[in-house]
């Protein structure tokens, strides 16, 4: 697993002000837990310097993570409420194609993941061709292979 940056969940904000004003300069801490956003800004001027603002932001982030717990992003994290399959990165989808005479419905199980280069990858498996269960199994396998290849630094 990739090591987290020492500044994870901490962003630098530099907005130059209008003529004669200081603008906004500092560090923003942003955390999300169970749909609730936690955010706090640490100004360079209030913290008496850029380095002290960064140190304060990191300390706040660490104290909040200790208080609310780490983000659950592992294999047991909850899928989105929009996920109907119950499996992150795998969904059943429907494609409709109309001609002058007919409306065609195509059903697929689709696997998606991000490859080693950061590009989104997708593979579709037809329910008509494989049947419901086999198409879903193939989508699950394709996602697992794609994630494993990305972890090794290769394209699937």
N, C-alpha and C. Protein backbone atom coordinates (compact mmCIF):
# COMPACT_ATOMS: atom_id res chain seq x y z
N UNK A 1 0.84 -1.17 0.00
CA UNK A 1 0.00 0.00 0.00
C UNK A 1 0.88 1.24 0.00
N UNK A 2 0.45 2.26 -0.74
CA UNK A 2 1.23 3.49 -0.82
C UNK A 2 1.22 4.21 0.53
N UNK A 3 2.36 4.78 0.87
CA UNK A 3 2.48 5.53 2.13
C UNK A 3 1.80 6.89 1.96
N UNK A 4 1.07 7.30 2.98
CA UNK A 4 0.38 8.58 2.93
C UNK A 4 1.38 9.72 2.99
N UNK A 5 1.05 10.79 2.31
CA UNK A 5 1.84 12.02 2.38
C UNK A 5 1.71 12.59 3.79
N UNK A 6 2.75 13.25 4.29
CA UNK A 6 2.62 13.88 5.61
C UNK A 6 1.55 14.97 5.62
N UNK A 7 1.16 15.43 4.44
CA UNK A 7 0.14 16.48 4.34
C UNK A 7 -1.20 15.96 3.84
N UNK A 8 -1.47 14.64 4.03
CA UNK A 8 -2.78 14.15 3.59
C UNK A 8 -3.89 14.89 4.33
N UNK A 9 -4.94 15.21 3.61
CA UNK A 9 -6.08 15.97 4.11
C UNK A 9 -5.74 17.42 4.48
N UNK A 10 -4.58 17.91 4.04
CA UNK A 10 -4.18 19.30 4.27
C UNK A 10 -3.84 19.91 2.91
N UNK A 11 -4.48 21.04 2.59
CA UNK A 11 -4.26 21.71 1.30
C UNK A 11 -3.77 23.13 1.52
N UNK A 12 -2.89 23.56 0.65
CA UNK A 12 -2.39 24.93 0.68
C UNK A 12 -3.37 25.82 -0.06
N UNK A 13 -3.74 26.95 0.53
CA UNK A 13 -4.63 27.93 -0.09
C UNK A 13 -3.86 29.24 -0.23
N UNK A 14 -3.70 29.72 -1.45
CA UNK A 14 -3.06 31.01 -1.71
C UNK A 14 -3.93 31.78 -2.70
N UNK A 15 -4.65 32.76 -2.19
CA UNK A 15 -5.49 33.60 -3.03
C UNK A 15 -5.03 35.03 -2.86
N UNK A 16 -4.48 35.60 -3.92
CA UNK A 16 -4.01 36.98 -3.84
C UNK A 16 -5.20 37.91 -3.76
N UNK A 17 -5.10 38.89 -2.88
CA UNK A 17 -6.18 39.84 -2.68
C UNK A 17 -6.15 40.95 -3.72
N UNK A 18 -7.19 41.74 -3.69
CA UNK A 18 -7.26 42.90 -4.57
C UNK A 18 -6.16 43.88 -4.16
N UNK A 19 -5.89 44.84 -4.98
CA UNK A 19 -4.84 45.82 -4.68
C UNK A 19 -5.06 46.43 -3.30
N UNK A 20 -4.01 46.37 -2.49
CA UNK A 20 -4.08 46.95 -1.17
C UNK A 20 -4.58 45.99 -0.09
N UNK A 21 -4.90 44.74 -0.45
CA UNK A 21 -5.34 43.77 0.56
C UNK A 21 -4.39 42.58 0.57
N UNK A 22 -4.38 41.87 1.67
CA UNK A 22 -3.46 40.75 1.84
C UNK A 22 -3.87 39.49 1.07
N UNK A 23 -5.14 39.24 0.95
CA UNK A 23 -5.61 38.00 0.35
C UNK A 23 -5.74 36.91 1.40
N UNK A 24 -5.79 35.68 0.96
CA UNK A 24 -5.95 34.54 1.86
C UNK A 24 -4.79 33.58 1.63
N UNK A 25 -4.04 33.32 2.69
CA UNK A 25 -2.89 32.43 2.60
C UNK A 25 -2.86 31.56 3.84
N UNK A 26 -2.82 30.25 3.65
CA UNK A 26 -2.78 29.34 4.78
C UNK A 26 -3.03 27.91 4.36
N UNK A 27 -3.39 27.07 5.32
CA UNK A 27 -3.63 25.65 5.09
C UNK A 27 -5.03 25.28 5.51
N UNK A 28 -5.69 24.48 4.69
CA UNK A 28 -7.06 24.02 4.94
C UNK A 28 -7.02 22.53 5.24
N UNK A 29 -7.64 22.13 6.34
CA UNK A 29 -7.79 20.71 6.69
C UNK A 29 -9.20 20.30 6.30
N UNK A 30 -9.32 19.20 5.56
CA UNK A 30 -10.63 18.69 5.15
C UNK A 30 -10.69 17.19 5.41
N UNK A 31 -11.69 16.79 6.17
CA UNK A 31 -11.93 15.37 6.46
C UNK A 31 -13.40 15.08 6.19
N UNK A 32 -13.71 13.84 5.82
CA UNK A 32 -15.09 13.44 5.59
C UNK A 32 -15.30 12.10 6.30
N UNK A 33 -16.31 12.03 7.13
CA UNK A 33 -16.65 10.79 7.82
C UNK A 33 -18.16 10.61 7.80
N UNK A 34 -18.57 9.47 7.30
CA UNK A 34 -19.99 9.10 7.25
C UNK A 34 -20.87 10.24 6.70
N UNK A 35 -20.39 10.86 5.63
CA UNK A 35 -21.14 11.91 4.97
C UNK A 35 -21.04 13.29 5.60
N UNK A 36 -20.29 13.43 6.69
CA UNK A 36 -20.16 14.72 7.36
C UNK A 36 -18.78 15.30 7.06
N UNK A 37 -18.77 16.56 6.61
CA UNK A 37 -17.52 17.24 6.29
C UNK A 37 -17.00 17.97 7.52
N UNK A 38 -15.69 17.85 7.74
CA UNK A 38 -15.00 18.56 8.82
C UNK A 38 -13.93 19.40 8.14
N UNK A 39 -13.94 20.70 8.39
CA UNK A 39 -13.03 21.59 7.70
C UNK A 39 -12.58 22.71 8.63
N UNK A 40 -11.29 23.07 8.56
CA UNK A 40 -10.78 24.18 9.35
C UNK A 40 -9.61 24.82 8.61
N UNK A 41 -9.54 26.14 8.65
CA UNK A 41 -8.51 26.89 7.96
C UNK A 41 -7.50 27.46 8.96
N UNK A 42 -6.21 27.37 8.62
CA UNK A 42 -5.13 27.90 9.45
C UNK A 42 -4.37 28.96 8.67
N UNK A 43 -4.61 30.21 9.01
CA UNK A 43 -4.04 31.35 8.31
C UNK A 43 -2.56 31.51 8.65
N UNK A 44 -1.75 31.88 7.65
CA UNK A 44 -0.33 32.16 7.88
C UNK A 44 -0.16 33.30 8.88
N UNK A 45 -0.96 34.34 8.71
CA UNK A 45 -0.79 35.51 9.58
C UNK A 45 -1.23 35.22 11.01
N UNK A 46 -2.33 34.53 11.20
CA UNK A 46 -2.79 34.20 12.57
C UNK A 46 -1.86 33.22 13.26
N UNK A 47 -1.22 32.36 12.46
CA UNK A 47 -0.33 31.34 13.02
C UNK A 47 1.10 31.84 13.15
N UNK A 48 1.35 33.08 12.72
CA UNK A 48 2.69 33.68 12.76
C UNK A 48 3.69 32.98 11.85
N UNK A 49 3.22 32.71 10.61
CA UNK A 49 4.14 32.15 9.62
C UNK A 49 3.59 30.91 8.93
N UNK A 50 4.13 30.69 7.74
CA UNK A 50 3.70 29.57 6.90
C UNK A 50 4.01 28.21 7.56
N UNK A 51 5.19 28.07 8.11
CA UNK A 51 5.59 26.81 8.75
C UNK A 51 4.74 26.49 9.97
N UNK A 52 4.44 27.52 10.76
CA UNK A 52 3.62 27.30 11.96
C UNK A 52 2.17 26.99 11.59
N UNK A 53 1.69 27.59 10.50
CA UNK A 53 0.33 27.30 10.04
C UNK A 53 0.24 25.83 9.59
N UNK A 54 1.25 25.35 8.87
CA UNK A 54 1.27 23.96 8.44
C UNK A 54 1.33 23.02 9.64
N UNK A 55 2.17 23.32 10.61
CA UNK A 55 2.28 22.49 11.82
C UNK A 55 0.95 22.45 12.57
N UNK A 56 0.27 23.59 12.67
CA UNK A 56 -1.02 23.64 13.37
C UNK A 56 -2.08 22.84 12.61
N UNK A 57 -2.06 22.94 11.27
CA UNK A 57 -3.02 22.18 10.46
C UNK A 57 -2.81 20.68 10.62
N UNK A 58 -1.56 20.25 10.58
CA UNK A 58 -1.26 18.82 10.76
C UNK A 58 -1.68 18.35 12.15
N UNK A 59 -1.40 19.15 13.17
CA UNK A 59 -1.77 18.78 14.55
C UNK A 59 -3.29 18.67 14.68
N UNK A 60 -4.01 19.60 14.08
CA UNK A 60 -5.47 19.56 14.12
C UNK A 60 -5.98 18.30 13.41
N UNK A 61 -5.44 18.04 12.22
CA UNK A 61 -5.84 16.85 11.47
C UNK A 61 -5.62 15.59 12.30
N UNK A 62 -4.44 15.48 12.89
CA UNK A 62 -4.11 14.30 13.69
C UNK A 62 -5.04 14.16 14.89
N UNK A 63 -5.37 15.29 15.54
CA UNK A 63 -6.27 15.22 16.70
C UNK A 63 -7.68 14.82 16.28
N UNK A 64 -8.12 15.30 15.12
CA UNK A 64 -9.46 14.95 14.64
C UNK A 64 -9.52 13.48 14.24
N UNK A 65 -8.48 12.99 13.58
CA UNK A 65 -8.45 11.57 13.19
C UNK A 65 -8.47 10.70 14.44
N UNK A 66 -7.75 11.12 15.47
CA UNK A 66 -7.74 10.38 16.73
C UNK A 66 -9.14 10.37 17.35
N UNK A 67 -9.82 11.50 17.24
CA UNK A 67 -11.16 11.65 17.83
C UNK A 67 -12.23 10.89 17.04
N UNK A 68 -12.23 11.02 15.71
CA UNK A 68 -13.30 10.44 14.89
C UNK A 68 -12.92 9.13 14.22
N UNK A 69 -11.65 8.77 14.28
CA UNK A 69 -11.19 7.52 13.67
C UNK A 69 -10.72 7.73 12.25
N UNK A 70 -9.94 6.77 11.75
CA UNK A 70 -9.43 6.89 10.37
C UNK A 70 -10.54 6.65 9.36
N UNK A 71 -10.31 7.11 8.15
CA UNK A 71 -11.27 6.88 7.07
C UNK A 71 -11.32 5.40 6.77
N UNK A 72 -12.50 4.89 6.50
CA UNK A 72 -12.67 3.48 6.16
C UNK A 72 -12.67 3.37 4.64
N UNK A 73 -11.48 3.11 4.07
CA UNK A 73 -11.36 3.02 2.61
C UNK A 73 -10.91 1.64 2.17
N UNK A 74 -10.81 0.72 3.08
CA UNK A 74 -10.33 -0.62 2.76
C UNK A 74 -11.37 -1.47 2.08
N UNK A 75 -11.10 -2.76 1.96
CA UNK A 75 -12.00 -3.65 1.25
C UNK A 75 -13.35 -3.81 1.94
N UNK A 76 -13.45 -3.42 3.20
CA UNK A 76 -14.71 -3.55 3.90
C UNK A 76 -15.46 -2.23 4.02
N UNK A 77 -15.02 -1.22 3.27
CA UNK A 77 -15.72 0.05 3.30
C UNK A 77 -17.09 -0.11 2.66
N UNK A 78 -18.02 0.72 3.07
CA UNK A 78 -19.38 0.62 2.56
C UNK A 78 -19.47 1.17 1.16
N UNK A 79 -20.15 0.48 0.27
CA UNK A 79 -20.35 1.03 -1.06
C UNK A 79 -21.30 2.24 -0.99
N UNK A 80 -21.25 3.05 -2.00
CA UNK A 80 -22.14 4.20 -2.09
C UNK A 80 -23.59 3.74 -2.05
N UNK A 81 -24.47 4.59 -1.57
CA UNK A 81 -25.89 4.26 -1.58
C UNK A 81 -26.42 4.15 -3.01
N UNK A 82 -25.67 4.68 -3.97
CA UNK A 82 -26.07 4.55 -5.38
C UNK A 82 -25.69 3.20 -5.95
N UNK A 83 -24.88 2.44 -5.22
CA UNK A 83 -24.40 1.15 -5.70
C UNK A 83 -25.50 0.12 -5.49
N UNK A 84 -25.96 -0.49 -6.58
CA UNK A 84 -27.05 -1.45 -6.49
C UNK A 84 -26.56 -2.90 -6.43
N UNK A 85 -25.28 -3.13 -6.73
CA UNK A 85 -24.77 -4.50 -6.71
C UNK A 85 -24.23 -4.88 -5.34
N UNK A 86 -23.89 -3.89 -4.51
CA UNK A 86 -23.28 -4.17 -3.22
C UNK A 86 -21.78 -4.37 -3.33
N UNK A 87 -21.23 -4.24 -4.52
CA UNK A 87 -19.80 -4.45 -4.75
C UNK A 87 -19.23 -3.18 -5.36
N UNK A 88 -18.25 -2.57 -4.69
CA UNK A 88 -17.65 -1.34 -5.18
C UNK A 88 -16.99 -1.62 -6.54
N UNK A 89 -17.29 -0.78 -7.54
CA UNK A 89 -16.66 -0.90 -8.86
C UNK A 89 -17.33 -1.89 -9.78
N UNK A 90 -18.45 -2.48 -9.37
CA UNK A 90 -19.19 -3.42 -10.22
C UNK A 90 -20.65 -3.01 -10.21
N UNK A 91 -21.22 -2.88 -11.41
CA UNK A 91 -22.63 -2.49 -11.49
C UNK A 91 -23.32 -3.19 -12.64
N UNK A 92 -24.62 -3.30 -12.53
CA UNK A 92 -25.44 -3.83 -13.62
C UNK A 92 -25.95 -2.62 -14.38
N UNK A 93 -25.85 -2.69 -15.69
CA UNK A 93 -26.34 -1.54 -16.44
C UNK A 93 -27.14 -1.98 -17.65
N UNK A 94 -27.89 -1.05 -18.15
CA UNK A 94 -28.79 -1.29 -19.27
C UNK A 94 -28.47 -0.28 -20.37
N UNK A 95 -28.39 -0.77 -21.60
CA UNK A 95 -28.18 0.12 -22.74
C UNK A 95 -29.39 -0.04 -23.66
N UNK A 96 -29.90 1.06 -24.13
CA UNK A 96 -31.07 1.03 -25.01
C UNK A 96 -30.66 1.58 -26.37
N UNK A 97 -31.02 0.85 -27.42
CA UNK A 97 -30.73 1.31 -28.78
C UNK A 97 -32.03 1.25 -29.56
N UNK A 98 -32.38 2.37 -30.17
CA UNK A 98 -33.63 2.44 -30.93
C UNK A 98 -33.34 2.48 -32.42
N UNK A 99 -34.15 1.74 -33.18
CA UNK A 99 -34.13 1.83 -34.63
C UNK A 99 -35.52 2.26 -35.06
N UNK A 100 -35.75 2.34 -36.36
CA UNK A 100 -37.08 2.72 -36.83
C UNK A 100 -38.13 1.69 -36.44
N UNK A 101 -37.72 0.42 -36.36
CA UNK A 101 -38.67 -0.66 -36.12
C UNK A 101 -38.69 -1.20 -34.69
N UNK A 102 -37.56 -1.13 -34.00
CA UNK A 102 -37.47 -1.79 -32.69
C UNK A 102 -36.74 -0.94 -31.66
N UNK A 103 -36.94 -1.32 -30.43
CA UNK A 103 -36.13 -0.81 -29.32
C UNK A 103 -35.40 -2.01 -28.74
N UNK A 104 -34.07 -1.94 -28.74
CA UNK A 104 -33.26 -3.05 -28.24
C UNK A 104 -32.76 -2.71 -26.83
N UNK A 105 -32.90 -3.66 -25.94
CA UNK A 105 -32.40 -3.51 -24.58
C UNK A 105 -31.23 -4.48 -24.40
N UNK A 106 -30.10 -3.95 -23.97
CA UNK A 106 -28.92 -4.76 -23.71
C UNK A 106 -28.58 -4.61 -22.23
N UNK A 107 -28.35 -5.74 -21.56
CA UNK A 107 -28.03 -5.73 -20.14
C UNK A 107 -26.60 -6.24 -19.94
N UNK A 108 -25.86 -5.55 -19.10
CA UNK A 108 -24.46 -5.87 -18.86
C UNK A 108 -24.15 -5.82 -17.37
N UNK A 109 -23.10 -6.52 -16.99
CA UNK A 109 -22.43 -6.28 -15.72
C UNK A 109 -21.14 -5.59 -16.09
N UNK A 110 -20.88 -4.45 -15.48
CA UNK A 110 -19.72 -3.63 -15.81
C UNK A 110 -18.77 -3.55 -14.62
N UNK A 111 -17.50 -3.79 -14.89
CA UNK A 111 -16.44 -3.63 -13.89
C UNK A 111 -15.67 -2.36 -14.23
N UNK A 112 -15.29 -1.59 -13.22
CA UNK A 112 -14.48 -0.39 -13.46
C UNK A 112 -13.43 -0.26 -12.37
N UNK A 113 -12.30 0.34 -12.75
CA UNK A 113 -11.19 0.57 -11.83
C UNK A 113 -10.28 1.61 -12.45
N UNK A 114 -9.31 2.08 -11.67
CA UNK A 114 -8.32 3.03 -12.15
C UNK A 114 -7.01 2.28 -12.33
N UNK A 115 -6.41 2.38 -13.53
CA UNK A 115 -5.17 1.65 -13.80
C UNK A 115 -3.96 2.37 -13.20
N UNK A 116 -2.78 1.80 -13.40
CA UNK A 116 -1.54 2.31 -12.81
C UNK A 116 -1.21 3.73 -13.28
N UNK A 117 -1.73 4.12 -14.45
CA UNK A 117 -1.45 5.44 -14.99
C UNK A 117 -2.53 6.46 -14.61
N UNK A 118 -3.51 6.02 -13.81
CA UNK A 118 -4.58 6.92 -13.37
C UNK A 118 -5.74 7.02 -14.32
N UNK A 119 -5.77 6.18 -15.37
CA UNK A 119 -6.86 6.22 -16.34
C UNK A 119 -7.98 5.26 -15.90
N UNK A 120 -9.21 5.65 -16.14
CA UNK A 120 -10.36 4.83 -15.80
C UNK A 120 -10.47 3.70 -16.82
N UNK A 121 -10.66 2.48 -16.33
CA UNK A 121 -10.83 1.32 -17.19
C UNK A 121 -12.19 0.69 -16.91
N UNK A 122 -12.81 0.13 -17.96
CA UNK A 122 -14.11 -0.53 -17.81
C UNK A 122 -14.14 -1.77 -18.68
N UNK A 123 -14.84 -2.80 -18.19
CA UNK A 123 -15.08 -4.01 -18.97
C UNK A 123 -16.54 -4.38 -18.77
N UNK A 124 -17.21 -4.72 -19.88
CA UNK A 124 -18.63 -5.10 -19.84
C UNK A 124 -18.79 -6.57 -20.18
N UNK A 125 -19.75 -7.22 -19.52
CA UNK A 125 -20.04 -8.63 -19.76
C UNK A 125 -21.54 -8.76 -19.96
N UNK A 126 -21.92 -9.26 -21.12
CA UNK A 126 -23.32 -9.32 -21.52
C UNK A 126 -24.10 -10.37 -20.74
N UNK A 127 -25.25 -9.95 -20.22
CA UNK A 127 -26.16 -10.89 -19.55
C UNK A 127 -26.76 -11.84 -20.59
N UNK A 128 -27.01 -11.35 -21.80
CA UNK A 128 -27.56 -12.20 -22.86
C UNK A 128 -26.59 -13.31 -23.24
N UNK A 129 -25.32 -12.99 -23.28
CA UNK A 129 -24.31 -13.96 -23.69
C UNK A 129 -23.94 -14.94 -22.57
N UNK A 130 -23.74 -14.44 -21.36
CA UNK A 130 -23.23 -15.26 -20.27
C UNK A 130 -24.28 -15.67 -19.23
N UNK A 131 -25.40 -15.01 -19.22
CA UNK A 131 -26.36 -15.22 -18.14
C UNK A 131 -26.03 -14.28 -16.99
N UNK A 132 -27.01 -14.06 -16.14
CA UNK A 132 -26.88 -13.08 -15.06
C UNK A 132 -25.70 -13.37 -14.13
N UNK A 133 -25.65 -14.59 -13.60
CA UNK A 133 -24.62 -14.93 -12.61
C UNK A 133 -23.21 -14.95 -13.18
N UNK A 134 -23.05 -15.55 -14.37
CA UNK A 134 -21.71 -15.64 -14.96
C UNK A 134 -21.21 -14.26 -15.38
N UNK A 135 -22.08 -13.42 -15.92
CA UNK A 135 -21.67 -12.06 -16.31
C UNK A 135 -21.20 -11.27 -15.08
N UNK A 136 -21.93 -11.42 -13.97
CA UNK A 136 -21.53 -10.73 -12.74
C UNK A 136 -20.20 -11.28 -12.24
N UNK A 137 -20.02 -12.59 -12.26
CA UNK A 137 -18.76 -13.20 -11.83
C UNK A 137 -17.59 -12.74 -12.68
N UNK A 138 -17.81 -12.65 -14.00
CA UNK A 138 -16.75 -12.18 -14.90
C UNK A 138 -16.39 -10.72 -14.61
N UNK A 139 -17.39 -9.91 -14.29
CA UNK A 139 -17.12 -8.51 -13.95
C UNK A 139 -16.31 -8.42 -12.66
N UNK A 140 -16.68 -9.22 -11.67
CA UNK A 140 -15.91 -9.25 -10.42
C UNK A 140 -14.46 -9.65 -10.67
N UNK A 141 -14.26 -10.69 -11.47
CA UNK A 141 -12.90 -11.16 -11.78
C UNK A 141 -12.11 -10.10 -12.54
N UNK A 142 -12.77 -9.43 -13.50
CA UNK A 142 -12.08 -8.40 -14.28
C UNK A 142 -11.63 -7.26 -13.38
N UNK A 143 -12.47 -6.86 -12.45
CA UNK A 143 -12.09 -5.78 -11.52
C UNK A 143 -10.91 -6.21 -10.66
N UNK A 144 -10.96 -7.43 -10.12
CA UNK A 144 -9.86 -7.92 -9.29
C UNK A 144 -8.55 -7.96 -10.08
N UNK A 145 -8.60 -8.45 -11.32
CA UNK A 145 -7.40 -8.49 -12.17
C UNK A 145 -6.89 -7.08 -12.45
N UNK A 146 -7.81 -6.17 -12.75
CA UNK A 146 -7.43 -4.78 -13.04
C UNK A 146 -6.79 -4.10 -11.84
N UNK A 147 -7.35 -4.31 -10.66
CA UNK A 147 -6.77 -3.71 -9.45
C UNK A 147 -5.41 -4.31 -9.14
N UNK A 148 -5.27 -5.62 -9.34
CA UNK A 148 -3.98 -6.28 -9.09
C UNK A 148 -2.92 -5.76 -10.05
N UNK A 149 -3.28 -5.59 -11.33
CA UNK A 149 -2.34 -5.06 -12.32
C UNK A 149 -1.93 -3.64 -11.97
N UNK A 150 -2.90 -2.83 -11.53
CA UNK A 150 -2.60 -1.44 -11.15
C UNK A 150 -1.64 -1.42 -9.96
N UNK A 151 -1.84 -2.32 -9.03
CA UNK A 151 -0.98 -2.39 -7.85
C UNK A 151 0.46 -2.74 -8.25
N UNK A 152 0.60 -3.59 -9.29
CA UNK A 152 1.92 -3.97 -9.78
C UNK A 152 2.52 -2.89 -10.69
N UNK A 153 1.72 -1.85 -10.98
CA UNK A 153 2.21 -0.77 -11.82
C UNK A 153 2.04 -1.03 -13.30
N UNK A 154 1.12 -1.93 -13.65
CA UNK A 154 0.88 -2.26 -15.06
C UNK A 154 -0.53 -1.94 -15.46
N UNK A 155 -0.71 -1.82 -16.76
CA UNK A 155 -2.05 -1.63 -17.31
C UNK A 155 -2.70 -2.99 -17.49
N UNK A 156 -3.99 -3.09 -17.20
CA UNK A 156 -4.68 -4.38 -17.34
C UNK A 156 -5.07 -4.62 -18.79
